[in-house]
Amino acid sequence: MENEAYFDVNAFASLGQSNSIFGVSLMDNIDIYPNIKVVTSDMALAAGLDRFRYLYPDSFYNVGIAEQNLIGVAAGLASEGFKSIAVAQAAFISMRSFEMVRQYLGYMHNNVILVGLNAGFLLKFFGNTHYATEDLSLMRGIPGMIVLSPADAGEAVKAFEAALRTDASVYIRLTGLKEAPIVYKEDFSYEIGKSNVIHEGDDITIFATGSMVHQVIIAGDLLETQGIKARIVDVHTIKPMDVDIVNDSKHSKLFVSVEEHNLIGGLGSSISEYISEFTDYPPLLRLGVKDAFSIPGDYEYLLKQNRLMPDLIAEDIINKYKQ
């Protein structure tokens, strides 16, 4: 049996990605998946799990700030037939726990839904130790792992519900501040591995993921004032990559990828790995986090450092397009 949370854009906008997943969708799905077990590393309050913890104490485990142990417990529950969900900061569930994820989920085929909170630069003044800008690269390198990067809170709910229906390990990368801009103002179709076209344009195709989808929509408006019409694609699934949408965009004069992730190993790398096997694709401009550690600061300051604000994205695209 399948279930989808009622698509309430205003509620999702106010709650943010993780609170929409755990405060709304998880509660809607617990009766359909009574074997759900949620394991977290002291992130219940931050993730919006307090209500679930109170109502279903036998289905909730807090292992403390011990993310490697978190993966072991979640994998053990999955091996016993439970629908296991592990929740932690994205930097720690992907980097600190990488070997455990690789061995227990990838190699041993224990299917767990990993939810990485505060990916990208969301932990701001905590600094580079807490930034998750390599997580897509790590997670997509694990055989059998599905990697999802939703653009807003509503899409995060749909990604979570799709993960519940999937018999595979899934990493859901959550970005975007609470009350972050909504990309999808009405209900929409979501399918793992099938990207969504947000805007049509004949000149270039911009592939964006996560928090950058909204930034690219604004950048697209700026480009249009310069006579450049952009096709904007929300790549919510990093792995498996939607090669059909790449093929369908071959008419473009330029491909652009935009991500709040290191330029190495993420969305841009996925696209370049695919098109490098052929000769009839346009050049690819990869925009993302520079291959360097950033100077800590507030969120906008960090995005500006890496030229990920709409005006800077548009400027870089215009410069490349005119070459």
C-alpha atoms as a PDB file:
ATOM      1  CA  MET A   1       0.000   0.000   0.000  1.00  0.00           C
ATOM      2  CA  GLU A   2       1.264   3.470  -0.894  1.00  0.00           C
ATOM      3  CA  ASN A   3       0.622   6.772   0.816  1.00  0.00           C
ATOM      4  CA  GLU A   4       1.493  10.374   0.148  1.00  0.00           C
ATOM      5  CA  ALA A   5       1.160  13.234   2.598  1.00  0.00           C
ATOM      6  CA  TYR A   6      -1.398  15.872   1.695  1.00  0.00           C
ATOM      7  CA  PHE A   7       0.523  18.513  -0.253  1.00  0.00           C
ATOM      8  CA  ASP A   8       0.205  21.588   1.965  1.00  0.00           C
ATOM      9  CA  VAL A   9       2.646  24.100   0.520  1.00  0.00           C
ATOM     10  CA  ASN A  10       2.183  26.652   3.300  1.00  0.00           C
ATOM     11  CA  ALA A  11       2.791  24.108   6.048  1.00  0.00           C
ATOM     12  CA  PHE A  12       5.858  22.722   4.288  1.00  0.00           C
ATOM     13  CA  ALA A  13       7.216  26.228   3.720  1.00  0.00           C
ATOM     14  CA  SER A  14       6.976  27.099   7.421  1.00  0.00           C
ATOM     15  CA  LEU A  15       8.291  23.755   8.684  1.00  0.00           C
ATOM     16  CA  GLY A  16      11.292  23.308   6.420  1.00  0.00           C
ATOM     17  CA  GLN A  17      12.568  20.042   4.957  1.00  0.00           C
ATOM     18  CA  SER A  18      13.308  17.874   8.002  1.00  0.00           C
ATOM     19  CA  ASN A  19      10.298  19.018  10.040  1.00  0.00           C
ATOM     20  CA  SER A  20       8.024  18.377   7.050  1.00  0.00           C
ATOM     21  CA  ILE A  21       9.423  14.858   6.722  1.00  0.00           C
ATOM     22  CA  PHE A  22       9.341  13.871  10.377  1.00  0.00           C
ATOM     23  CA  GLY A  23       6.570  16.102  11.679  1.00  0.00           C
ATOM     24  CA  VAL A  24       4.129  15.406   8.844  1.00  0.00           C
ATOM     25  CA  SER A  25       5.058  12.568   6.491  1.00  0.00           C
ATOM     26  CA  LEU A  26       6.463  10.117   9.057  1.00  0.00           C
ATOM     27  CA  MET A  27       3.323  10.479  11.160  1.00  0.00           C
ATOM     28  CA  ASP A  28       1.171   9.864   8.085  1.00  0.00           C
ATOM     29  CA  ASN A  29       3.086   6.721   7.184  1.00  0.00           C
ATOM     30  CA  ILE A  30       3.582   4.964  10.513  1.00  0.00           C
ATOM     31  CA  ASP A  31       0.307   3.035  10.197  1.00  0.00           C
ATOM     32  CA  ILE A  32       1.191   1.921   6.679  1.00  0.00           C
ATOM     33  CA  TYR A  33       4.726   0.920   7.688  1.00  0.00           C
ATOM     34  CA  PRO A  34       4.316  -0.239  11.309  1.00  0.00           C
ATOM     35  CA  ASN A  35       7.813  -1.756  11.182  1.00  0.00           C
ATOM     36  CA  ILE A  36       9.462   1.684  10.965  1.00  0.00           C
ATOM     37  CA  LYS A  37      12.362   2.232  13.345  1.00  0.00           C
ATOM     38  CA  VAL A  38      14.005   5.650  13.613  1.00  0.00           C
ATOM     39  CA  VAL A  39      17.550   5.944  14.940  1.00  0.00           C
ATOM     40  CA  THR A  40      19.177   9.324  15.529  1.00  0.00           C
ATOM     41  CA  SER A  41      22.385  10.758  16.915  1.00  0.00           C
ATOM     42  CA  ASP A  42      20.896  13.315  19.290  1.00  0.00           C
ATOM     43  CA  MET A  43      19.005  15.092  16.504  1.00  0.00           C
ATOM     44  CA  ALA A  44      15.389  14.497  17.591  1.00  0.00           C
ATOM     45  CA  LEU A  45      14.606  18.133  18.343  1.00  0.00           C
ATOM     46  CA  ALA A  46      16.536  19.532  15.377  1.00  0.00           C
ATOM     47  CA  ALA A  47      14.915  17.083  12.956  1.00  0.00           C
ATOM     48  CA  GLY A  48      11.356  17.536  14.206  1.00  0.00           C
ATOM     49  CA  LEU A  49      11.140  14.049  15.717  1.00  0.00           C
ATOM     50  CA  ASP A  50       9.863  15.018  19.171  1.00  0.00           C
ATOM     51  CA  ARG A  51       6.223  14.169  18.447  1.00  0.00           C
ATOM     52  CA  PHE A  52       7.138  10.822  16.933  1.00  0.00           C
ATOM     53  CA  ARG A  53       9.421  10.029  19.876  1.00  0.00           C
ATOM     54  CA  TYR A  54       6.615  10.801  22.325  1.00  0.00           C
ATOM     55  CA  LEU A  55       3.884   8.846  20.503  1.00  0.00           C
ATOM     56  CA  TYR A  56       6.004   5.863  19.386  1.00  0.00           C
ATOM     57  CA  PRO A  57       8.762   5.419  21.987  1.00  0.00           C
ATOM     58  CA  ASP A  58       9.277   1.770  21.027  1.00  0.00           C
ATOM     59  CA  SER A  59      10.110   2.796  17.447  1.00  0.00           C
ATOM     60  CA  PHE A  60      12.642   5.488  18.337  1.00  0.00           C
ATOM     61  CA  TYR A  61      16.272   5.168  19.417  1.00  0.00           C
ATOM     62  CA  ASN A  62      18.741   7.913  20.292  1.00  0.00           C
ATOM     63  CA  VAL A  63      22.317   6.606  20.274  1.00  0.00           C
ATOM     64  CA  GLY A  64      23.792   9.995  21.179  1.00  0.00           C
ATOM     65  CA  ILE A  65      26.534  11.766  19.261  1.00  0.00           C
ATOM     66  CA  ALA A  66      27.944   8.513  17.915  1.00  0.00           C
ATOM     67  CA  GLU A  67      27.225   8.439  14.196  1.00  0.00           C
ATOM     68  CA  GLN A  68      29.304   5.359  13.431  1.00  0.00           C
ATOM     69  CA  ASN A  69      27.329   3.436  16.026  1.00  0.00           C
ATOM     70  CA  LEU A  70      24.161   4.951  14.561  1.00  0.00           C
ATOM     71  CA  ILE A  71      24.797   3.191  11.254  1.00  0.00           C
ATOM     72  CA  GLY A  72      25.530  -0.113  12.980  1.00  0.00           C
ATOM     73  CA  VAL A  73      22.275   0.013  14.953  1.00  0.00           C
ATOM     74  CA  ALA A  74      20.246   1.075  11.907  1.00  0.00           C
ATOM     75  CA  ALA A  75      21.796  -1.694   9.794  1.00  0.00           C
ATOM     76  CA  GLY A  76      21.121  -4.252  12.520  1.00  0.00           C
ATOM     77  CA  LEU A  77      17.456  -3.262  12.653  1.00  0.00           C
ATOM     78  CA  ALA A  78      17.233  -3.476   8.865  1.00  0.00           C
ATOM     79  CA  SER A  79      18.765  -6.946   8.935  1.00  0.00           C
ATOM     80  CA  GLU A  80      15.875  -8.017  11.191  1.00  0.00           C
ATOM     81  CA  GLY A  81      13.281  -6.802   8.697  1.00  0.00           C
ATOM     82  CA  PHE A  82      12.523  -3.336  10.039  1.00  0.00           C
ATOM     83  CA  LYS A  83      12.120  -0.250   7.849  1.00  0.00           C
ATOM     84  CA  SER A  84      15.138   1.527   9.294  1.00  0.00           C
ATOM     85  CA  ILE A  85      15.686   5.294   9.157  1.00  0.00           C
ATOM     86  CA  ALA A  86      18.931   6.895  10.368  1.00  0.00           C
ATOM     87  CA  VAL A  87      19.022  10.645  11.022  1.00  0.00           C
ATOM     88  CA  ALA A  88      22.117  12.768  11.664  1.00  0.00           C
ATOM     89  CA  GLN A  89      23.972  15.854  10.504  1.00  0.00           C
ATOM     90  CA  ALA A  90      24.860  15.365   6.829  1.00  0.00           C
ATOM     91  CA  ALA A  91      28.577  15.944   7.414  1.00  0.00           C
ATOM     92  CA  PHE A  92      28.752  13.188  10.015  1.00  0.00           C
ATOM     93  CA  ILE A  93      26.382  10.599   8.567  1.00  0.00           C
ATOM     94  CA  SER A  94      28.294  10.769   5.269  1.00  0.00           C
ATOM     95  CA  MET A  95      31.914  11.433   6.293  1.00  0.00           C
ATOM     96  CA  ARG A  96      32.412  10.200   9.844  1.00  0.00           C
ATOM     97  CA  SER A  97      30.311   7.110   9.143  1.00  0.00           C
ATOM     98  CA  PHE A  98      31.416   6.443   5.587  1.00  0.00           C
ATOM     99  CA  GLU A  99      33.109   3.093   6.193  1.00  0.00           C
ATOM    100  CA  MET A 100      30.095   1.787   8.124  1.00  0.00           C
ATOM    101  CA  VAL A 101      27.695   2.952   5.413  1.00  0.00           C
ATOM    102  CA  ARG A 102      29.867   1.316   2.750  1.00  0.00           C
ATOM    103  CA  GLN A 103      30.194  -1.999   4.567  1.00  0.00           C
ATOM    104  CA  TYR A 104      26.869  -2.421   6.378  1.00  0.00           C
ATOM    105  CA  LEU A 105      24.553  -0.888   3.774  1.00  0.00           C
ATOM    106  CA  GLY A 106      26.406  -1.253   0.488  1.00  0.00           C
ATOM    107  CA  TYR A 107      28.359  -4.462   0.883  1.00  0.00           C
ATOM    108  CA  MET A 108      25.984  -6.254   3.283  1.00  0.00           C
ATOM    109  CA  HIS A 109      22.787  -5.016   1.567  1.00  0.00           C
ATOM    110  CA  ASN A 110      21.061  -3.773   4.722  1.00  0.00           C
ATOM    111  CA  ASN A 111      18.590  -1.283   3.326  1.00  0.00           C
ATOM    112  CA  VAL A 112      18.471   1.880   5.433  1.00  0.00           C
ATOM    113  CA  ILE A 113      17.116   5.359   4.678  1.00  0.00           C
ATOM    114  CA  LEU A 114      19.846   7.843   5.610  1.00  0.00           C
ATOM    115  CA  VAL A 115      18.670  11.407   6.206  1.00  0.00           C
ATOM    116  CA  GLY A 116      21.472  13.980   6.240  1.00  0.00           C
ATOM    117  CA  LEU A 117      20.457  17.209   7.967  1.00  0.00           C
ATOM    118  CA  ASN A 118      21.916  20.650   7.246  1.00  0.00           C
ATOM    119  CA  ALA A 119      23.906  19.731   4.148  1.00  0.00           C
ATOM    120  CA  GLY A 120      26.005  22.247   2.284  1.00  0.00           C
ATOM    121  CA  PHE A 121      26.745  25.385   4.309  1.00  0.00           C
ATOM    122  CA  LEU A 122      23.698  25.364   6.584  1.00  0.00           C
ATOM    123  CA  LEU A 123      25.700  25.078   9.793  1.00  0.00           C
ATOM    124  CA  LYS A 124      27.304  28.414   8.961  1.00  0.00           C
ATOM    125  CA  PHE A 125      29.451  29.558  11.892  1.00  0.00           C
ATOM    126  CA  PHE A 126      30.219  25.975  12.986  1.00  0.00           C
ATOM    127  CA  GLY A 127      32.817  26.025  10.229  1.00  0.00           C
ATOM    128  CA  ASN A 128      34.327  23.614   7.751  1.00  0.00           C
ATOM    129  CA  THR A 129      34.218  20.650  10.151  1.00  0.00           C
ATOM    130  CA  HIS A 130      30.417  20.821   9.920  1.00  0.00           C
ATOM    131  CA  TYR A 131      29.935  21.686   6.240  1.00  0.00           C
ATOM    132  CA  ALA A 132      28.699  18.813   4.097  1.00  0.00           C
ATOM    133  CA  THR A 133      30.088  19.636   0.674  1.00  0.00           C
ATOM    134  CA  GLU A 134      31.504  16.205  -0.191  1.00  0.00           C
ATOM    135  CA  ASP A 135      28.537  14.009   0.763  1.00  0.00           C
ATOM    136  CA  LEU A 136      27.110  13.495  -2.732  1.00  0.00           C
ATOM    137  CA  SER A 137      30.498  12.296  -3.949  1.00  0.00           C
ATOM    138  CA  LEU A 138      30.824   9.836  -1.078  1.00  0.00           C
ATOM    139  CA  MET A 139      27.306   8.449  -1.161  1.00  0.00           C
ATOM    140  CA  ARG A 140      27.013   8.033  -4.919  1.00  0.00           C
ATOM    141  CA  GLY A 141      30.248   6.042  -4.892  1.00  0.00           C
ATOM    142  CA  ILE A 142      28.645   3.242  -2.852  1.00  0.00           C
ATOM    143  CA  PRO A 143      27.220   0.442  -5.029  1.00  0.00           C
ATOM    144  CA  GLY A 144      23.443   0.192  -4.815  1.00  0.00           C
ATOM    145  CA  MET A 145      22.964   3.507  -3.000  1.00  0.00           C
ATOM    146  CA  ILE A 146      20.210   5.839  -4.234  1.00  0.00           C
ATOM    147  CA  VAL A 147      21.075   9.512  -3.691  1.00  0.00           C
ATOM    148  CA  LEU A 148      18.313  12.130  -3.482  1.00  0.00           C
ATOM    149  CA  SER A 149      18.679  15.917  -3.206  1.00  0.00           C
ATOM    150  CA  PRO A 150      15.285  17.653  -2.928  1.00  0.00           C
ATOM    151  CA  ALA A 151      14.828  21.300  -3.881  1.00  0.00           C
ATOM    152  CA  ASP A 152      12.335  22.317  -1.189  1.00  0.00           C
ATOM    153  CA  ALA A 153      10.309  20.972   1.729  1.00  0.00           C
ATOM    154  CA  GLY A 154       7.495  19.562  -0.384  1.00  0.00           C
ATOM    155  CA  GLU A 155       9.934  17.685  -2.572  1.00  0.00           C
ATOM    156  CA  ALA A 156      11.751  16.437   0.546  1.00  0.00           C
ATOM    157  CA  VAL A 157       8.487  14.830   1.689  1.00  0.00           C
ATOM    158  CA  LYS A 158       8.007  13.203  -1.704  1.00  0.00           C
ATOM    159  CA  ALA A 159      11.613  11.956  -1.672  1.00  0.00           C
ATOM    160  CA  PHE A 160      11.124  10.441   1.777  1.00  0.00           C
ATOM    161  CA  GLU A 161       7.902   8.711   0.794  1.00  0.00           C
ATOM    162  CA  ALA A 162       9.517   7.369  -2.381  1.00  0.00           C
ATOM    163  CA  ALA A 163      12.380   6.061  -0.240  1.00  0.00           C
ATOM    164  CA  LEU A 164       9.896   4.245   2.014  1.00  0.00           C
ATOM    165  CA  ARG A 165       8.548   2.447  -1.049  1.00  0.00           C
ATOM    166  CA  THR A 166      12.036   1.471  -2.252  1.00  0.00           C
ATOM    167  CA  ASP A 167      13.803  -1.742  -1.285  1.00  0.00           C
ATOM    168  CA  ALA A 168      17.260  -0.195  -1.405  1.00  0.00           C
ATOM    169  CA  SER A 169      19.468   2.023   0.693  1.00  0.00           C
ATOM    170  CA  VAL A 170      18.746   5.715   0.134  1.00  0.00           C
ATOM    171  CA  TYR A 171      20.610   8.870   1.124  1.00  0.00           C
ATOM    172  CA  ILE A 172      18.395  11.980   1.340  1.00  0.00           C
ATOM    173  CA  ARG A 173      20.385  15.202   1.400  1.00  0.00           C
ATOM    174  CA  LEU A 174      18.505  18.037   3.092  1.00  0.00           C
ATOM    175  CA  THR A 175      19.479  21.635   2.289  1.00  0.00           C
ATOM    176  CA  GLY A 176      17.671  24.930   2.626  1.00  0.00           C
ATOM    177  CA  LEU A 177      17.050  26.986   5.732  1.00  0.00           C
ATOM    178  CA  LYS A 178      13.755  26.761   7.601  1.00  0.00           C
ATOM    179  CA  GLU A 179      11.180  28.831   5.719  1.00  0.00           C
ATOM    180  CA  ALA A 180      13.437  28.582   2.659  1.00  0.00           C
ATOM    181  CA  PRO A 181      11.803  29.531  -0.664  1.00  0.00           C
ATOM    182  CA  ILE A 182       9.361  27.051  -2.126  1.00  0.00           C
ATOM    183  CA  VAL A 183      10.037  25.834  -5.657  1.00  0.00           C
ATOM    184  CA  TYR A 184       6.851  23.781  -6.090  1.00  0.00           C
ATOM    185  CA  LYS A 185       3.783  25.857  -5.209  1.00  0.00           C
ATOM    186  CA  GLU A 186       1.380  23.128  -6.318  1.00  0.00           C
ATOM    187  CA  ASP A 187       1.402  19.347  -6.110  1.00  0.00           C
ATOM    188  CA  PHE A 188       3.575  17.637  -8.706  1.00  0.00           C
ATOM    189  CA  SER A 189       4.764  14.266  -9.919  1.00  0.00           C
ATOM    190  CA  TYR A 190       7.873  12.799  -8.295  1.00  0.00           C
ATOM    191  CA  GLU A 191       9.724   9.689  -9.386  1.00  0.00           C
ATOM    192  CA  ILE A 192      13.186   8.579  -8.333  1.00  0.00           C
ATOM    193  CA  GLY A 193      15.513   8.902 -11.314  1.00  0.00           C
ATOM    194  CA  LYS A 194      13.234  11.240 -13.300  1.00  0.00           C
ATOM    195  CA  SER A 195      14.171  14.910 -13.170  1.00  0.00           C
ATOM    196  CA  ASN A 196      11.609  17.714 -13.424  1.00  0.00           C
ATOM    197  CA  VAL A 197      11.763  20.518 -15.973  1.00  0.00           C
ATOM    198  CA  ILE A 198      10.972  23.763 -14.118  1.00  0.00           C
ATOM    199  CA  HIS A 199      11.246  26.153 -17.072  1.00  0.00           C
ATOM    200  CA  GLU A 200      11.671  25.716 -20.811  1.00  0.00           C
ATOM    201  CA  GLY A 201      14.270  27.549 -22.888  1.00  0.00           C
ATOM    202  CA  ASP A 202      16.069  26.983 -26.190  1.00  0.00           C
ATOM    203  CA  ASP A 203      19.528  28.445 -25.598  1.00  0.00           C
ATOM    204  CA  ILE A 204      21.032  26.657 -22.598  1.00  0.00           C
ATOM    205  CA  THR A 205      20.097  23.965 -20.090  1.00  0.00           C
ATOM    206  CA  ILE A 206      20.809  24.490 -16.397  1.00  0.00           C
ATOM    207  CA  PHE A 207      20.817  21.365 -14.251  1.00  0.00           C
ATOM    208  CA  ALA A 208      20.385  22.317 -10.591  1.00  0.00           C
ATOM    209  CA  THR A 209      19.896  20.342  -7.410  1.00  0.00           C
ATOM    210  CA  GLY A 210      18.830  20.989  -3.830  1.00  0.00           C
ATOM    211  CA  SER A 211      18.979  24.583  -2.603  1.00  0.00           C
ATOM    212  CA  MET A 212      20.358  25.764  -5.929  1.00  0.00           C
ATOM    213  CA  VAL A 213      17.143  25.106  -7.852  1.00  0.00           C
ATOM    214  CA  HIS A 214      15.537  28.246  -6.454  1.00  0.00           C
ATOM    215  CA  GLN A 215      18.731  30.253  -6.973  1.00  0.00           C
ATOM    216  CA  VAL A 216      18.825  29.145 -10.599  1.00  0.00           C
ATOM    217  CA  ILE A 217      15.199  30.125 -11.179  1.00  0.00           C
ATOM    218  CA  ILE A 218      16.107  33.687 -10.192  1.00  0.00           C
ATOM    219  CA  ALA A 219      19.297  33.502 -12.248  1.00  0.00           C
ATOM    220  CA  GLY A 220      17.193  32.355 -15.202  1.00  0.00           C
ATOM    221  CA  ASP A 221      15.139  35.555 -15.008  1.00  0.00           C
ATOM    222  CA  LEU A 222      18.362  37.585 -15.054  1.00  0.00           C
ATOM    223  CA  LEU A 223      19.613  35.643 -18.065  1.00  0.00           C
ATOM    224  CA  GLU A 224      16.396  36.307 -19.939  1.00  0.00           C
ATOM    225  CA  THR A 225      16.963  40.052 -19.632  1.00  0.00           C
ATOM    226  CA  GLN A 226      20.202  39.412 -21.555  1.00  0.00           C
ATOM    227  CA  GLY A 227      18.400  37.454 -24.257  1.00  0.00           C
ATOM    228  CA  ILE A 228      19.455  34.013 -22.999  1.00  0.00           C
ATOM    229  CA  LYS A 229      16.582  31.558 -22.609  1.00  0.00           C
ATOM    230  CA  ALA A 230      17.371  28.801 -20.152  1.00  0.00           C
ATOM    231  CA  ARG A 231      15.835  25.400 -19.721  1.00  0.00           C
ATOM    232  CA  ILE A 232      15.939  24.766 -15.963  1.00  0.00           C
ATOM    233  CA  VAL A 233      15.967  21.197 -14.682  1.00  0.00           C
ATOM    234  CA  ASP A 234      15.516  20.122 -11.071  1.00  0.00           C
ATOM    235  CA  VAL A 235      17.816  17.103 -10.722  1.00  0.00           C
ATOM    236  CA  HIS A 236      16.399  15.729  -7.489  1.00  0.00           C
ATOM    237  CA  THR A 237      18.028  12.331  -8.035  1.00  0.00           C
ATOM    238  CA  ILE A 238      21.808  12.339  -8.224  1.00  0.00           C
ATOM    239  CA  LYS A 239      21.972   8.555  -8.481  1.00  0.00           C
ATOM    240  CA  PRO A 240      20.627   6.960 -10.582  1.00  0.00           C
ATOM    241  CA  MET A 241      21.140   9.911 -12.892  1.00  0.00           C
ATOM    242  CA  ASP A 242      18.385  10.755 -15.351  1.00  0.00           C
ATOM    243  CA  VAL A 243      20.270  10.335 -18.631  1.00  0.00           C
ATOM    244  CA  ASP A 244      17.028  10.790 -20.588  1.00  0.00           C
ATOM    245  CA  ILE A 245      16.758  14.449 -19.551  1.00  0.00           C
ATOM    246  CA  VAL A 246      20.406  14.977 -20.515  1.00  0.00           C
ATOM    247  CA  ASN A 247      19.766  13.430 -23.923  1.00  0.00           C
ATOM    248  CA  ASP A 248      16.584  15.477 -24.318  1.00  0.00           C
ATOM    249  CA  SER A 249      18.589  18.677 -23.779  1.00  0.00           C
ATOM    250  CA  LYS A 250      21.238  18.078 -26.458  1.00  0.00           C
ATOM    251  CA  HIS A 251      19.876  20.927 -28.573  1.00  0.00           C
ATOM    252  CA  SER A 252      21.250  23.445 -26.068  1.00  0.00           C
ATOM    253  CA  LYS A 253      24.316  25.525 -26.875  1.00  0.00           C
ATOM    254  CA  LEU A 254      25.592  25.138 -23.302  1.00  0.00           C
ATOM    255  CA  PHE A 255      25.047  22.822 -20.336  1.00  0.00           C
ATOM    256  CA  VAL A 256      25.395  24.254 -16.820  1.00  0.00           C
ATOM    257  CA  SER A 257      25.336  22.372 -13.510  1.00  0.00           C
ATOM    258  CA  VAL A 258      24.760  24.215 -10.226  1.00  0.00           C
ATOM    259  CA  GLU A 259      25.089  22.621  -6.789  1.00  0.00           C
ATOM    260  CA  GLU A 260      25.830  23.511  -3.168  1.00  0.00           C
ATOM    261  CA  HIS A 261      28.496  20.827  -3.202  1.00  0.00           C
ATOM    262  CA  ASN A 262      32.141  20.558  -4.148  1.00  0.00           C
ATOM    263  CA  LEU A 263      32.699  20.814  -7.893  1.00  0.00           C
ATOM    264  CA  ILE A 264      34.357  17.403  -7.660  1.00  0.00           C
ATOM    265  CA  GLY A 265      32.148  14.347  -7.406  1.00  0.00           C
ATOM    266  CA  GLY A 266      28.613  15.725  -7.348  1.00  0.00           C
ATOM    267  CA  LEU A 267      25.998  16.654  -9.937  1.00  0.00           C
ATOM    268  CA  GLY A 268      28.415  18.229 -12.409  1.00  0.00           C
ATOM    269  CA  SER A 269      30.710  15.230 -12.231  1.00  0.00           C
ATOM    270  CA  SER A 270      27.778  12.863 -12.816  1.00  0.00           C
ATOM    271  CA  ILE A 271      26.769  14.717 -15.967  1.00  0.00           C
ATOM    272  CA  SER A 272      30.317  15.066 -17.267  1.00  0.00           C
ATOM    273  CA  GLU A 273      31.024  11.370 -16.704  1.00  0.00           C
ATOM    274  CA  TYR A 274      28.048  10.515 -18.890  1.00  0.00           C
ATOM    275  CA  ILE A 275      28.492  12.991 -21.748  1.00  0.00           C
ATOM    276  CA  SER A 276      32.240  12.364 -21.976  1.00  0.00           C
ATOM    277  CA  GLU A 277      31.454   9.047 -23.668  1.00  0.00           C
ATOM    278  CA  PHE A 278      29.910  10.855 -26.645  1.00  0.00           C
ATOM    279  CA  THR A 279      30.862  13.609 -29.092  1.00  0.00           C
ATOM    280  CA  ASP A 280      27.565  15.402 -29.778  1.00  0.00           C
ATOM    281  CA  TYR A 281      26.881  17.212 -26.503  1.00  0.00           C
ATOM    282  CA  PRO A 282      27.398  20.896 -25.708  1.00  0.00           C
ATOM    283  CA  PRO A 283      30.183  21.980 -23.328  1.00  0.00           C
ATOM    284  CA  LEU A 284      29.410  21.791 -19.613  1.00  0.00           C
ATOM    285  CA  LEU A 285      29.998  24.684 -17.207  1.00  0.00           C
ATOM    286  CA  ARG A 286      30.164  23.341 -13.644  1.00  0.00           C
ATOM    287  CA  LEU A 287      29.233  25.771 -10.869  1.00  0.00           C
ATOM    288  CA  GLY A 288      29.480  24.775  -7.229  1.00  0.00           C
ATOM    289  CA  VAL A 289      31.621  24.933  -4.136  1.00  0.00           C
ATOM    290  CA  LYS A 290      35.235  25.693  -4.954  1.00  0.00           C
ATOM    291  CA  ASP A 291      37.810  22.995  -4.279  1.00  0.00           C
ATOM    292  CA  ALA A 292      38.939  24.861  -1.163  1.00  0.00           C
ATOM    293  CA  PHE A 293      37.843  25.333   2.434  1.00  0.00           C
ATOM    294  CA  SER A 294      35.534  28.314   2.853  1.00  0.00           C
ATOM    295  CA  ILE A 295      35.833  31.132   5.369  1.00  0.00           C
ATOM    296  CA  PRO A 296      33.039  30.566   7.945  1.00  0.00           C
ATOM    297  CA  GLY A 297      30.255  33.102   8.124  1.00  0.00           C
ATOM    298  CA  ASP A 298      26.535  33.423   7.573  1.00  0.00           C
ATOM    299  CA  TYR A 299      24.820  31.456   4.837  1.00  0.00           C
ATOM    300  CA  GLU A 300      24.689  34.185   2.200  1.00  0.00           C
ATOM    301  CA  TYR A 301      28.345  35.065   2.835  1.00  0.00           C
ATOM    302  CA  LEU A 302      29.337  31.436   2.209  1.00  0.00           C
ATOM    303  CA  LEU A 303      27.291  31.266  -0.991  1.00  0.00           C
ATOM    304  CA  LYS A 304      28.849  34.509  -2.247  1.00  0.00           C
ATOM    305  CA  GLN A 305      32.347  33.141  -1.621  1.00  0.00           C
ATOM    306  CA  ASN A 306      31.541  30.284  -3.962  1.00  0.00           C
ATOM    307  CA  ARG A 307      29.622  32.410  -6.488  1.00  0.00           C
ATOM    308  CA  LEU A 308      26.354  30.626  -5.807  1.00  0.00           C
ATOM    309  CA  MET A 309      24.064  33.657  -5.510  1.00  0.00           C
ATOM    310  CA  PRO A 310      21.707  34.230  -8.482  1.00  0.00           C
ATOM    311  CA  ASP A 311      23.495  37.316  -9.862  1.00  0.00           C
ATOM    312  CA  LEU A 312      26.886  35.589  -9.717  1.00  0.00           C
ATOM    313  CA  ILE A 313      25.506  32.404 -11.255  1.00  0.00           C
ATOM    314  CA  ALA A 314      24.029  34.446 -14.109  1.00  0.00           C
ATOM    315  CA  GLU A 315      27.274  36.383 -14.561  1.00  0.00           C
ATOM    316  CA  ASP A 316      29.365  33.215 -14.870  1.00  0.00           C
ATOM    317  CA  ILE A 317      26.903  31.701 -17.322  1.00  0.00           C
ATOM    318  CA  ILE A 318      26.850  34.843 -19.489  1.00  0.00           C
ATOM    319  CA  ASN A 319      30.645  34.956 -19.606  1.00  0.00           C
ATOM    320  CA  LYS A 320      30.834  31.316 -20.692  1.00  0.00           C
ATOM    321  CA  TYR A 321      27.952  31.634 -23.171  1.00  0.00           C
ATOM    322  CA  LYS A 322      29.613  34.556 -24.947  1.00  0.00           C
ATOM    323  CA  GLN A 323      32.930  32.775 -25.420  1.00  0.00           C
END
